[in-house]
Amino acid sequence: MSKTKIYTGAVLVLGIVQFIESIAFSIPSSYYPNYIIELGASVASIGLFTSGFMMAEAIMAPKMGGFQMSMVGGGSSYWVSLETSSLVL
């Protein structure tokens, strides 16, 4: 019985990059509301901006994942990246 790989090297690299990217985004985003309030913005505008950014990320993440997989040359691994990005979001 041959052993099949669940994750190829390309999928693992994309997963690691996504993990590092999410950490890089979450560190400054936790300080963002305090900084903007000090500049005089209202709480409602901060919520609107943050929700708009998260909505754009949720819409674009699967499309960018598909683009990356087409560049790497994924077949069935495209669906793994699509499902993974939808679970993360």
PDB file of N, CA and C in Angstrom:
ATOM      1  N   MET A   1       0.841  -1.175   0.000  1.00  0.00           N
ATOM      2  CA  MET A   1       0.000   0.000   0.000  1.00  0.00           C
ATOM      3  C   MET A   1       0.888   1.241   0.000  1.00  0.00           C
ATOM      4  N   SER A   2       0.686   2.086  -0.971  1.00  0.00           N
ATOM      5  CA  SER A   2       1.528   3.279  -1.076  1.00  0.00           C
ATOM      6  C   SER A   2       0.993   4.388  -0.170  1.00  0.00           C
ATOM      7  N   LYS A   3       1.926   5.128   0.349  1.00  0.00           N
ATOM      8  CA  LYS A   3       1.569   6.230   1.231  1.00  0.00           C
ATOM      9  C   LYS A   3       1.370   7.489   0.401  1.00  0.00           C
ATOM     10  N   THR A   4       0.240   8.144   0.566  1.00  0.00           N
ATOM     11  CA  THR A   4      -0.007   9.385  -0.151  1.00  0.00           C
ATOM     12  C   THR A   4       0.136  10.555   0.799  1.00  0.00           C
ATOM     13  N   LYS A   5       0.655  11.635   0.263  1.00  0.00           N
ATOM     14  CA  LYS A   5       0.803  12.841   1.065  1.00  0.00           C
ATOM     15  C   LYS A   5      -0.507  13.608   1.069  1.00  0.00           C
ATOM     16  N   ILE A   6      -0.914  14.030   2.246  1.00  0.00           N
ATOM     17  CA  ILE A   6      -2.115  14.854   2.334  1.00  0.00           C
ATOM     18  C   ILE A   6      -1.797  16.269   1.894  1.00  0.00           C
ATOM     19  N   TYR A   7      -0.667  16.776   2.361  1.00  0.00           N
ATOM     20  CA  TYR A   7      -0.263  18.144   2.030  1.00  0.00           C
ATOM     21  C   TYR A   7       1.034  18.114   1.251  1.00  0.00           C
ATOM     22  N   THR A   8       1.053  18.785   0.132  1.00  0.00           N
ATOM     23  CA  THR A   8       2.281  18.902  -0.641  1.00  0.00           C
ATOM     24  C   THR A   8       3.136  20.009  -0.043  1.00  0.00           C
ATOM     25  N   GLY A   9       4.340  20.126  -0.508  1.00  0.00           N
ATOM     26  CA  GLY A   9       5.234  21.170  -0.031  1.00  0.00           C
ATOM     27  C   GLY A   9       4.685  22.561  -0.291  1.00  0.00           C
ATOM     28  N   ALA A  10       4.043  22.738  -1.436  1.00  0.00           N
ATOM     29  CA  ALA A  10       3.485  24.055  -1.769  1.00  0.00           C
ATOM     30  C   ALA A  10       2.371  24.454  -0.815  1.00  0.00           C
ATOM     31  N   VAL A  11       1.528  23.501  -0.448  1.00  0.00           N
ATOM     32  CA  VAL A  11       0.433  23.798   0.469  1.00  0.00           C
ATOM     33  C   VAL A  11       0.978  24.131   1.855  1.00  0.00           C
ATOM     34  N   LEU A  12       2.001  23.418   2.291  1.00  0.00           N
ATOM     35  CA  LEU A  12       2.604  23.716   3.586  1.00  0.00           C
ATOM     36  C   LEU A  12       3.247  25.097   3.600  1.00  0.00           C
ATOM     37  N   VAL A  13       3.929  25.454   2.529  1.00  0.00           N
ATOM     38  CA  VAL A  13       4.546  26.782   2.446  1.00  0.00           C
ATOM     39  C   VAL A  13       3.475  27.864   2.474  1.00  0.00           C
ATOM     40  N   LEU A  14       2.404  27.678   1.726  1.00  0.00           N
ATOM     41  CA  LEU A  14       1.320  28.662   1.734  1.00  0.00           C
ATOM     42  C   LEU A  14       0.677  28.767   3.112  1.00  0.00           C
ATOM     43  N   GLY A  15       0.534  27.657   3.808  1.00  0.00           N
ATOM     44  CA  GLY A  15      -0.023  27.687   5.159  1.00  0.00           C
ATOM     45  C   GLY A  15       0.866  28.429   6.132  1.00  0.00           C
ATOM     46  N   ILE A  16       2.169  28.213   6.030  1.00  0.00           N
ATOM     47  CA  ILE A  16       3.114  28.910   6.910  1.00  0.00           C
ATOM     48  C   ILE A  16       3.115  30.400   6.620  1.00  0.00           C
ATOM     49  N   VAL A  17       3.083  30.753   5.342  1.00  0.00           N
ATOM     50  CA  VAL A  17       3.037  32.171   4.962  1.00  0.00           C
ATOM     51  C   VAL A  17       1.765  32.820   5.482  1.00  0.00           C
ATOM     52  N   GLN A  18       0.639  32.137   5.375  1.00  0.00           N
ATOM     53  CA  GLN A  18      -0.632  32.678   5.876  1.00  0.00           C
ATOM     54  C   GLN A  18      -0.591  32.864   7.385  1.00  0.00           C
ATOM     55  N   PHE A  19       0.027  31.927   8.094  1.00  0.00           N
ATOM     56  CA  PHE A  19       0.146  32.037   9.544  1.00  0.00           C
ATOM     57  C   PHE A  19       0.988  33.246   9.937  1.00  0.00           C
ATOM     58  N   ILE A  20       2.120  33.420   9.289  1.00  0.00           N
ATOM     59  CA  ILE A  20       2.986  34.568   9.584  1.00  0.00           C
ATOM     60  C   ILE A  20       2.283  35.866   9.232  1.00  0.00           C
ATOM     61  N   GLU A  21       1.567  35.865   8.119  1.00  0.00           N
ATOM     62  CA  GLU A  21       0.836  37.065   7.704  1.00  0.00           C
ATOM     63  C   GLU A  21      -0.262  37.426   8.700  1.00  0.00           C
ATOM     64  N   SER A  22      -0.956  36.439   9.229  1.00  0.00           N
ATOM     65  CA  SER A  22      -2.017  36.733  10.188  1.00  0.00           C
ATOM     66  C   SER A  22      -1.444  37.258  11.499  1.00  0.00           C
ATOM     67  N   ILE A  23      -0.285  36.756  11.913  1.00  0.00           N
ATOM     68  CA  ILE A  23       0.365  37.293  13.114  1.00  0.00           C
ATOM     69  C   ILE A  23       0.820  38.724  12.858  1.00  0.00           C
ATOM     70  N   ALA A  24       1.396  38.970  11.684  1.00  0.00           N
ATOM     71  CA  ALA A  24       1.871  40.318  11.358  1.00  0.00           C
ATOM     72  C   ALA A  24       0.720  41.319  11.298  1.00  0.00           C
ATOM     73  N   PHE A  25      -0.467  40.871  10.940  1.00  0.00           N
ATOM     74  CA  PHE A  25      -1.621  41.757  10.902  1.00  0.00           C
ATOM     75  C   PHE A  25      -2.220  41.961  12.292  1.00  0.00           C
ATOM     76  N   SER A  26      -2.239  40.906  13.091  1.00  0.00           N
ATOM     77  CA  SER A  26      -2.942  40.997  14.372  1.00  0.00           C
ATOM     78  C   SER A  26      -2.205  41.838  15.409  1.00  0.00           C
ATOM     79  N   ILE A  27      -0.898  41.896  15.351  1.00  0.00           N
ATOM     80  CA  ILE A  27      -0.156  42.673  16.345  1.00  0.00           C
ATOM     81  C   ILE A  27      -0.466  44.169  16.221  1.00  0.00           C
ATOM     82  N   PRO A  28      -0.299  44.793  15.051  1.00  0.00           N
ATOM     83  CA  PRO A  28      -0.630  46.228  14.988  1.00  0.00           C
ATOM     84  C   PRO A  28      -2.123  46.515  15.062  1.00  0.00           C
ATOM     85  N   SER A  29      -2.955  45.577  14.613  1.00  0.00           N
ATOM     86  CA  SER A  29      -4.395  45.843  14.627  1.00  0.00           C
ATOM     87  C   SER A  29      -4.958  45.906  16.044  1.00  0.00           C
ATOM     88  N   SER A  30      -4.273  45.298  17.007  1.00  0.00           N
ATOM     89  CA  SER A  30      -4.755  45.381  18.377  1.00  0.00           C
ATOM     90  C   SER A  30      -4.517  46.768  18.978  1.00  0.00           C
ATOM     91  N   TYR A  31      -3.554  47.511  18.450  1.00  0.00           N
ATOM     92  CA  TYR A  31      -3.280  48.866  18.934  1.00  0.00           C
ATOM     93  C   TYR A  31      -3.998  49.938  18.116  1.00  0.00           C
ATOM     94  N   TYR A  32      -4.509  49.562  16.984  1.00  0.00           N
ATOM     95  CA  TYR A  32      -5.119  50.531  16.062  1.00  0.00           C
ATOM     96  C   TYR A  32      -6.262  51.337  16.682  1.00  0.00           C
ATOM     97  N   PRO A  33      -7.248  50.724  17.344  1.00  0.00           N
ATOM     98  CA  PRO A  33      -8.361  51.529  17.890  1.00  0.00           C
ATOM     99  C   PRO A  33      -7.909  52.583  18.895  1.00  0.00           C
ATOM    100  N   ASN A  34      -6.987  52.251  19.772  1.00  0.00           N
ATOM    101  CA  ASN A  34      -6.509  53.230  20.744  1.00  0.00           C
ATOM    102  C   ASN A  34      -5.813  54.406  20.064  1.00  0.00           C
ATOM    103  N   TYR A  35      -5.028  54.112  19.063  1.00  0.00           N
ATOM    104  CA  TYR A  35      -4.312  55.152  18.334  1.00  0.00           C
ATOM    105  C   TYR A  35      -5.275  56.084  17.610  1.00  0.00           C
ATOM    106  N   ILE A  36      -6.287  55.528  16.969  1.00  0.00           N
ATOM    107  CA  ILE A  36      -7.243  56.334  16.211  1.00  0.00           C
ATOM    108  C   ILE A  36      -8.130  57.165  17.139  1.00  0.00           C
ATOM    109  N   ILE A  37      -8.489  56.625  18.298  1.00  0.00           N
ATOM    110  CA  ILE A  37      -9.277  57.402  19.266  1.00  0.00           C
ATOM    111  C   ILE A  37      -8.476  58.607  19.746  1.00  0.00           C
ATOM    112  N   GLU A  38      -7.169  58.425  19.953  1.00  0.00           N
ATOM    113  CA  GLU A  38      -6.319  59.545  20.338  1.00  0.00           C
ATOM    114  C   GLU A  38      -6.274  60.619  19.263  1.00  0.00           C
ATOM    115  N   LEU A  39      -6.430  60.221  18.005  1.00  0.00           N
ATOM    116  CA  LEU A  39      -6.435  61.195  16.913  1.00  0.00           C
ATOM    117  C   LEU A  39      -7.787  61.882  16.753  1.00  0.00           C
ATOM    118  N   GLY A  40      -8.824  61.396  17.458  1.00  0.00           N
ATOM    119  CA  GLY A  40     -10.118  62.057  17.445  1.00  0.00           C
ATOM    120  C   GLY A  40     -11.212  61.364  16.660  1.00  0.00           C
ATOM    121  N   ALA A  41     -10.996  60.135  16.229  1.00  0.00           N
ATOM    122  CA  ALA A  41     -12.029  59.427  15.474  1.00  0.00           C
ATOM    123  C   ALA A  41     -13.087  58.874  16.429  1.00  0.00           C
ATOM    124  N   SER A  42     -14.288  58.694  15.915  1.00  0.00           N
ATOM    125  CA  SER A  42     -15.356  58.130  16.739  1.00  0.00           C
ATOM    126  C   SER A  42     -15.257  56.607  16.751  1.00  0.00           C
ATOM    127  N   VAL A  43     -15.874  56.011  17.744  1.00  0.00           N
ATOM    128  CA  VAL A  43     -15.867  54.552  17.865  1.00  0.00           C
ATOM    129  C   VAL A  43     -16.605  53.920  16.683  1.00  0.00           C
ATOM    130  N   ALA A  44     -17.663  54.560  16.219  1.00  0.00           N
ATOM    131  CA  ALA A  44     -18.430  54.033  15.084  1.00  0.00           C
ATOM    132  C   ALA A  44     -17.583  53.995  13.813  1.00  0.00           C
ATOM    133  N   SER A  45     -16.771  55.024  13.579  1.00  0.00           N
ATOM    134  CA  SER A  45     -15.932  55.025  12.376  1.00  0.00           C
ATOM    135  C   SER A  45     -14.851  53.957  12.458  1.00  0.00           C
ATOM    136  N   ILE A  46     -14.352  53.691  13.652  1.00  0.00           N
ATOM    137  CA  ILE A  46     -13.363  52.619  13.812  1.00  0.00           C
ATOM    138  C   ILE A  46     -14.009  51.273  13.507  1.00  0.00           C
ATOM    139  N   GLY A  47     -15.209  51.049  14.012  1.00  0.00           N
ATOM    140  CA  GLY A  47     -15.915  49.806  13.736  1.00  0.00           C
ATOM    141  C   GLY A  47     -16.235  49.637  12.264  1.00  0.00           C
ATOM    142  N   LEU A  48     -16.628  50.711  11.615  1.00  0.00           N
ATOM    143  CA  LEU A  48     -16.942  50.659  10.186  1.00  0.00           C
ATOM    144  C   LEU A  48     -15.697  50.336   9.366  1.00  0.00           C
ATOM    145  N   PHE A  49     -14.591  50.994   9.679  1.00  0.00           N
ATOM    146  CA  PHE A  49     -13.353  50.747   8.951  1.00  0.00           C
ATOM    147  C   PHE A  49     -12.856  49.323   9.174  1.00  0.00           C
ATOM    148  N   THR A  50     -12.863  48.874  10.421  1.00  0.00           N
ATOM    149  CA  THR A  50     -12.379  47.535  10.732  1.00  0.00           C
ATOM    150  C   THR A  50     -13.250  46.460  10.088  1.00  0.00           C
ATOM    151  N   SER A  51     -14.565  46.627  10.144  1.00  0.00           N
ATOM    152  CA  SER A  51     -15.442  45.625   9.530  1.00  0.00           C
ATOM    153  C   SER A  51     -15.316  45.637   8.010  1.00  0.00           C
ATOM    154  N   GLY A  52     -15.114  46.804   7.422  1.00  0.00           N
ATOM    155  CA  GLY A  52     -14.903  46.870   5.974  1.00  0.00           C
ATOM    156  C   GLY A  52     -13.622  46.163   5.562  1.00  0.00           C
ATOM    157  N   PHE A  53     -12.561  46.346   6.348  1.00  0.00           N
ATOM    158  CA  PHE A  53     -11.301  45.681   6.044  1.00  0.00           C
ATOM    159  C   PHE A  53     -11.436  44.171   6.175  1.00  0.00           C
ATOM    160  N   MET A  54     -12.125  43.709   7.219  1.00  0.00           N
ATOM    161  CA  MET A  54     -12.301  42.267   7.409  1.00  0.00           C
ATOM    162  C   MET A  54     -13.182  41.665   6.320  1.00  0.00           C
ATOM    163  N   MET A  55     -14.182  42.418   5.874  1.00  0.00           N
ATOM    164  CA  MET A  55     -15.039  41.934   4.786  1.00  0.00           C
ATOM    165  C   MET A  55     -14.240  41.806   3.488  1.00  0.00           C
ATOM    166  N   ALA A  56     -13.408  42.790   3.210  1.00  0.00           N
ATOM    167  CA  ALA A  56     -12.573  42.719   2.008  1.00  0.00           C
ATOM    168  C   ALA A  56     -11.612  41.537   2.082  1.00  0.00           C
ATOM    169  N   GLU A  57     -11.068  41.281   3.254  1.00  0.00           N
ATOM    170  CA  GLU A  57     -10.168  40.144   3.418  1.00  0.00           C
ATOM    171  C   GLU A  57     -10.919  38.830   3.224  1.00  0.00           C
ATOM    172  N   ALA A  58     -12.132  38.738   3.757  1.00  0.00           N
ATOM    173  CA  ALA A  58     -12.923  37.517   3.614  1.00  0.00           C
ATOM    174  C   ALA A  58     -13.307  37.255   2.163  1.00  0.00           C
ATOM    175  N   ILE A  59     -13.555  38.309   1.414  1.00  0.00           N
ATOM    176  CA  ILE A  59     -13.922  38.147   0.004  1.00  0.00           C
ATOM    177  C   ILE A  59     -12.709  37.787  -0.842  1.00  0.00           C
ATOM    178  N   MET A  60     -11.568  38.417  -0.558  1.00  0.00           N
ATOM    179  CA  MET A  60     -10.405  38.242  -1.410  1.00  0.00           C
ATOM    180  C   MET A  60      -9.539  37.036  -1.052  1.00  0.00           C
ATOM    181  N   ALA A  61      -9.631  36.507   0.171  1.00  0.00           N
ATOM    182  CA  ALA A  61      -8.756  35.405   0.579  1.00  0.00           C
ATOM    183  C   ALA A  61      -8.896  34.167  -0.311  1.00  0.00           C
ATOM    184  N   PRO A  62     -10.104  33.693  -0.600  1.00  0.00           N
ATOM    185  CA  PRO A  62     -10.201  32.522  -1.478  1.00  0.00           C
ATOM    186  C   PRO A  62      -9.714  32.809  -2.898  1.00  0.00           C
ATOM    187  N   LYS A  63      -9.950  34.020  -3.390  1.00  0.00           N
ATOM    188  CA  LYS A  63      -9.500  34.363  -4.746  1.00  0.00           C
ATOM    189  C   LYS A  63      -7.979  34.425  -4.810  1.00  0.00           C
ATOM    190  N   MET A  64      -7.367  35.006  -3.786  1.00  0.00           N
ATOM    191  CA  MET A  64      -5.911  35.064  -3.768  1.00  0.00           C
ATOM    192  C   MET A  64      -5.309  33.675  -3.559  1.00  0.00           C
ATOM    193  N   GLY A  65      -5.970  32.844  -2.753  1.00  0.00           N
ATOM    194  CA  GLY A  65      -5.498  31.472  -2.577  1.00  0.00           C
ATOM    195  C   GLY A  65      -5.555  30.693  -3.874  1.00  0.00           C
ATOM    196  N   GLY A  66      -6.629  30.892  -4.639  1.00  0.00           N
ATOM    197  CA  GLY A  66      -6.742  30.242  -5.939  1.00  0.00           C
ATOM    198  C   GLY A  66      -5.684  30.722  -6.907  1.00  0.00           C
ATOM    199  N   PHE A  67      -5.400  32.016  -6.861  1.00  0.00           N
ATOM    200  CA  PHE A  67      -4.353  32.572  -7.727  1.00  0.00           C
ATOM    201  C   PHE A  67      -2.991  31.992  -7.357  1.00  0.00           C
ATOM    202  N   GLN A  68      -2.714  31.908  -6.066  1.00  0.00           N
ATOM    203  CA  GLN A  68      -1.438  31.346  -5.630  1.00  0.00           C
ATOM    204  C   GLN A  68      -1.314  29.887  -6.040  1.00  0.00           C
ATOM    205  N   MET A  69      -2.395  29.137  -5.904  1.00  0.00           N
ATOM    206  CA  MET A  69      -2.333  27.729  -6.278  1.00  0.00           C
ATOM    207  C   MET A  69      -2.182  27.545  -7.782  1.00  0.00           C
ATOM    208  N   SER A  70      -2.738  28.457  -8.568  1.00  0.00           N
ATOM    209  CA  SER A  70      -2.545  28.352 -10.013  1.00  0.00           C
ATOM    210  C   SER A  70      -1.106  28.671 -10.382  1.00  0.00           C
ATOM    211  N   MET A  71      -0.467  29.539  -9.611  1.00  0.00           N
ATOM    212  CA  MET A  71       0.935  29.853  -9.867  1.00  0.00           C
ATOM    213  C   MET A  71       1.837  28.679  -9.463  1.00  0.00           C
ATOM    214  N   VAL A  72       1.490  28.000  -8.383  1.00  0.00           N
ATOM    215  CA  VAL A  72       2.290  26.879  -7.902  1.00  0.00           C
ATOM    216  C   VAL A  72       1.981  25.630  -8.717  1.00  0.00           C
ATOM    217  N   GLY A  73       0.760  25.539  -9.206  1.00  0.00           N
ATOM    218  CA  GLY A  73       0.365  24.380  -9.996  1.00  0.00           C
ATOM    219  C   GLY A  73      -0.387  23.358  -9.186  1.00  0.00           C
ATOM    220  N   GLY A  74      -1.460  23.792  -8.547  1.00  0.00           N
ATOM    221  CA  GLY A  74      -2.235  22.880  -7.716  1.00  0.00           C
ATOM    222  C   GLY A  74      -3.388  22.285  -8.488  1.00  0.00           C
ATOM    223  N   GLY A  75      -3.762  21.103  -8.160  1.00  0.00           N
ATOM    224  CA  GLY A  75      -4.948  20.476  -8.715  1.00  0.00           C
ATOM    225  C   GLY A  75      -5.967  20.326  -7.615  1.00  0.00           C
ATOM    226  N   SER A  76      -5.937  19.189  -6.972  1.00  0.00           N
ATOM    227  CA  SER A  76      -6.853  18.980  -5.853  1.00  0.00           C
ATOM    228  C   SER A  76      -6.419  19.778  -4.632  1.00  0.00           C
ATOM    229  N   SER A  77      -5.144  20.190  -4.590  1.00  0.00           N
ATOM    230  CA  SER A  77      -4.676  20.980  -3.453  1.00  0.00           C
ATOM    231  C   SER A  77      -5.309  22.376  -3.451  1.00  0.00           C
ATOM    232  N   TYR A  78      -5.859  22.798  -4.599  1.00  0.00           N
ATOM    233  CA  TYR A  78      -6.585  24.070  -4.640  1.00  0.00           C
ATOM    234  C   TYR A  78      -7.762  24.028  -3.673  1.00  0.00           C
ATOM    235  N   TRP A  79      -8.469  22.922  -3.656  1.00  0.00           N
ATOM    236  CA  TRP A  79      -9.640  22.818  -2.778  1.00  0.00           C
ATOM    237  C   TRP A  79      -9.233  22.785  -1.312  1.00  0.00           C
ATOM    238  N   VAL A  80      -8.080  22.202  -1.026  1.00  0.00           N
ATOM    239  CA  VAL A  80      -7.579  22.197   0.352  1.00  0.00           C
ATOM    240  C   VAL A  80      -7.291  23.623   0.795  1.00  0.00           C
ATOM    241  N   SER A  81      -6.637  24.411  -0.083  1.00  0.00           N
ATOM    242  CA  SER A  81      -6.331  25.795   0.285  1.00  0.00           C
ATOM    243  C   SER A  81      -7.604  26.625   0.399  1.00  0.00           C
ATOM    244  N   LEU A  82      -8.577  26.374  -0.440  1.00  0.00           N
ATOM    245  CA  LEU A  82      -9.835  27.108  -0.383  1.00  0.00           C
ATOM    246  C   LEU A  82     -10.580  26.800   0.911  1.00  0.00           C
ATOM    247  N   GLU A  83     -10.662  25.549   1.278  1.00  0.00           N
ATOM    248  CA  GLU A  83     -11.343  25.176   2.510  1.00  0.00           C
ATOM    249  C   GLU A  83     -10.585  25.664   3.734  1.00  0.00           C
ATOM    250  N   THR A  84      -9.263  25.618   3.689  1.00  0.00           N
ATOM    251  CA  THR A  84      -8.460  26.094   4.806  1.00  0.00           C
ATOM    252  C   THR A  84      -8.641  27.578   5.012  1.00  0.00           C
ATOM    253  N   SER A  85      -8.641  28.356   3.919  1.00  0.00           N
ATOM    254  CA  SER A  85      -8.819  29.799   4.066  1.00  0.00           C
ATOM    255  C   SER A  85     -10.229  30.139   4.555  1.00  0.00           C
ATOM    256  N   SER A  86     -11.223  29.349   4.183  1.00  0.00           N
ATOM    257  CA  SER A  86     -12.566  29.622   4.667  1.00  0.00           C
ATOM    258  C   SER A  86     -12.706  29.247   6.145  1.00  0.00           C
ATOM    259  N   LEU A  87     -11.970  28.234   6.602  1.00  0.00           N
ATOM    260  CA  LEU A  87     -12.015  27.875   8.019  1.00  0.00           C
ATOM    261  C   LEU A  87     -11.289  28.905   8.880  1.00  0.00           C
ATOM    262  N   VAL A  88     -10.199  29.447   8.353  1.00  0.00           N
ATOM    263  CA  VAL A  88      -9.419  30.443   9.097  1.00  0.00           C
ATOM    264  C   VAL A  88     -10.222  31.707   9.284  1.00  0.00           C
ATOM    265  N   LEU A  89     -10.945  32.088   8.247  1.00  0.00           N
ATOM    266  CA  LEU A  89     -11.719  33.330   8.325  1.00  0.00           C
ATOM    267  C   LEU A  89     -12.949  33.092   9.133  1.00  0.00           C
TER     268      LEU A  89
END
